[in-house]
């Protein structure tokens, strides 16, 4: 999950994605992943 988030950030430069990456790094748990699943799907479709 962290690798994907980094890939999205490095390709888009989106600061929200970077902040999400940092949040995932500090709160690497299942609840956090569920909350952001929709965001990941949206970013993946844009690549």
N, C-alpha and C. Protein backbone atom coordinates (compact mmCIF):
# COMPACT_ATOMS: atom_id res chain seq x y z
N UNK A 1 0.82 -1.19 0.00
CA UNK A 1 0.00 0.00 0.00
C UNK A 1 0.87 1.26 0.00
N UNK A 2 1.92 1.24 0.79
CA UNK A 2 2.80 2.41 0.84
C UNK A 2 3.51 2.63 -0.49
N UNK A 3 3.92 1.54 -1.13
CA UNK A 3 4.61 1.67 -2.42
C UNK A 3 3.69 2.30 -3.48
N UNK A 4 2.44 1.86 -3.49
CA UNK A 4 1.49 2.42 -4.45
C UNK A 4 1.29 3.91 -4.20
N UNK A 5 1.13 4.28 -2.93
CA UNK A 5 0.92 5.68 -2.59
C UNK A 5 2.12 6.52 -3.00
N UNK A 6 3.31 6.00 -2.76
CA UNK A 6 4.51 6.73 -3.18
C UNK A 6 4.55 6.87 -4.70
N UNK A 7 4.18 5.83 -5.42
CA UNK A 7 4.18 5.87 -6.88
C UNK A 7 3.23 6.95 -7.38
N UNK A 8 2.03 7.00 -6.80
CA UNK A 8 1.06 8.03 -7.19
C UNK A 8 1.63 9.41 -6.92
N UNK A 9 2.19 9.61 -5.73
CA UNK A 9 2.76 10.92 -5.40
C UNK A 9 3.90 11.29 -6.35
N UNK A 10 4.80 10.36 -6.60
CA UNK A 10 5.96 10.68 -7.42
C UNK A 10 5.56 11.00 -8.86
N UNK A 11 4.45 10.44 -9.32
CA UNK A 11 4.01 10.71 -10.69
C UNK A 11 3.14 11.97 -10.79
N UNK A 12 2.43 12.30 -9.72
CA UNK A 12 1.50 13.42 -9.78
C UNK A 12 1.98 14.66 -9.03
N UNK A 13 2.80 14.47 -8.00
CA UNK A 13 3.22 15.59 -7.17
C UNK A 13 2.09 16.11 -6.29
N UNK A 14 1.03 15.34 -6.16
CA UNK A 14 -0.15 15.74 -5.39
C UNK A 14 0.18 15.75 -3.90
N UNK A 15 0.08 16.92 -3.27
CA UNK A 15 0.44 17.06 -1.86
C UNK A 15 -0.49 16.25 -0.97
N UNK A 16 -1.76 16.10 -1.36
CA UNK A 16 -2.70 15.30 -0.58
C UNK A 16 -2.26 13.83 -0.55
N UNK A 17 -1.71 13.36 -1.65
CA UNK A 17 -1.21 11.99 -1.70
C UNK A 17 0.00 11.84 -0.80
N UNK A 18 0.87 12.84 -0.78
CA UNK A 18 2.03 12.80 0.10
C UNK A 18 1.60 12.78 1.57
N UNK A 19 0.65 13.63 1.91
CA UNK A 19 0.15 13.65 3.29
C UNK A 19 -0.50 12.31 3.65
N UNK A 20 -1.20 11.72 2.71
CA UNK A 20 -1.79 10.40 2.93
C UNK A 20 -0.69 9.36 3.17
N UNK A 21 0.37 9.43 2.40
CA UNK A 21 1.51 8.52 2.58
C UNK A 21 2.06 8.64 3.99
N UNK A 22 2.27 9.86 4.44
CA UNK A 22 2.80 10.06 5.79
C UNK A 22 1.83 9.54 6.86
N UNK A 23 0.55 9.74 6.63
CA UNK A 23 -0.45 9.22 7.57
C UNK A 23 -0.43 7.70 7.61
N UNK A 24 -0.32 7.08 6.45
CA UNK A 24 -0.26 5.62 6.39
C UNK A 24 1.00 5.09 7.08
N UNK A 25 2.10 5.80 6.91
CA UNK A 25 3.34 5.37 7.55
C UNK A 25 3.23 5.39 9.07
N UNK A 26 2.53 6.38 9.60
CA UNK A 26 2.44 6.50 11.05
C UNK A 26 1.27 5.71 11.63
N UNK A 27 0.27 5.44 10.83
CA UNK A 27 -0.93 4.74 11.30
C UNK A 27 -1.22 3.53 10.43
N UNK A 28 -0.23 2.70 10.23
CA UNK A 28 -0.35 1.56 9.32
C UNK A 28 -1.25 0.49 9.94
N UNK A 29 -2.55 0.68 9.80
CA UNK A 29 -3.49 -0.29 10.33
C UNK A 29 -4.65 -0.48 9.36
N UNK A 30 -5.45 -1.50 9.58
CA UNK A 30 -6.54 -1.85 8.68
C UNK A 30 -7.60 -0.76 8.57
N UNK A 31 -7.94 -0.12 9.65
CA UNK A 31 -8.96 0.92 9.62
C UNK A 31 -8.56 2.04 8.69
N UNK A 32 -7.33 2.45 8.76
CA UNK A 32 -6.84 3.53 7.91
C UNK A 32 -6.91 3.13 6.44
N UNK A 33 -6.55 1.91 6.13
CA UNK A 33 -6.58 1.43 4.75
C UNK A 33 -8.01 1.45 4.23
N UNK A 34 -8.96 1.02 5.04
CA UNK A 34 -10.36 1.02 4.61
C UNK A 34 -10.86 2.42 4.33
N UNK A 35 -10.48 3.38 5.16
CA UNK A 35 -10.93 4.76 4.98
C UNK A 35 -10.43 5.36 3.68
N UNK A 36 -9.27 4.93 3.21
CA UNK A 36 -8.65 5.53 2.03
C UNK A 36 -8.77 4.66 0.77
N UNK A 37 -9.47 3.55 0.86
CA UNK A 37 -9.59 2.64 -0.28
C UNK A 37 -10.20 3.36 -1.50
N UNK A 38 -11.21 4.14 -1.29
CA UNK A 38 -11.85 4.87 -2.38
C UNK A 38 -10.89 5.87 -3.01
N UNK A 39 -10.11 6.54 -2.19
CA UNK A 39 -9.12 7.50 -2.70
C UNK A 39 -8.10 6.80 -3.60
N UNK A 40 -7.62 5.65 -3.18
CA UNK A 40 -6.66 4.90 -3.98
C UNK A 40 -7.25 4.51 -5.32
N UNK A 41 -8.49 4.06 -5.32
CA UNK A 41 -9.15 3.66 -6.56
C UNK A 41 -9.25 4.83 -7.52
N UNK A 42 -9.58 5.99 -7.00
CA UNK A 42 -9.68 7.18 -7.84
C UNK A 42 -8.33 7.57 -8.43
N UNK A 43 -7.28 7.56 -7.62
CA UNK A 43 -5.96 7.94 -8.09
C UNK A 43 -5.43 6.90 -9.10
N UNK A 44 -5.72 5.64 -8.88
CA UNK A 44 -5.28 4.58 -9.79
C UNK A 44 -5.91 4.76 -11.16
N UNK A 45 -7.16 5.17 -11.20
CA UNK A 45 -7.85 5.34 -12.48
C UNK A 45 -7.30 6.54 -13.27
N UNK A 46 -6.63 7.46 -12.58
CA UNK A 46 -6.07 8.63 -13.24
C UNK A 46 -4.69 8.37 -13.83
N UNK A 47 -4.06 7.28 -13.45
CA UNK A 47 -2.70 7.01 -13.96
C UNK A 47 -2.72 6.45 -15.34
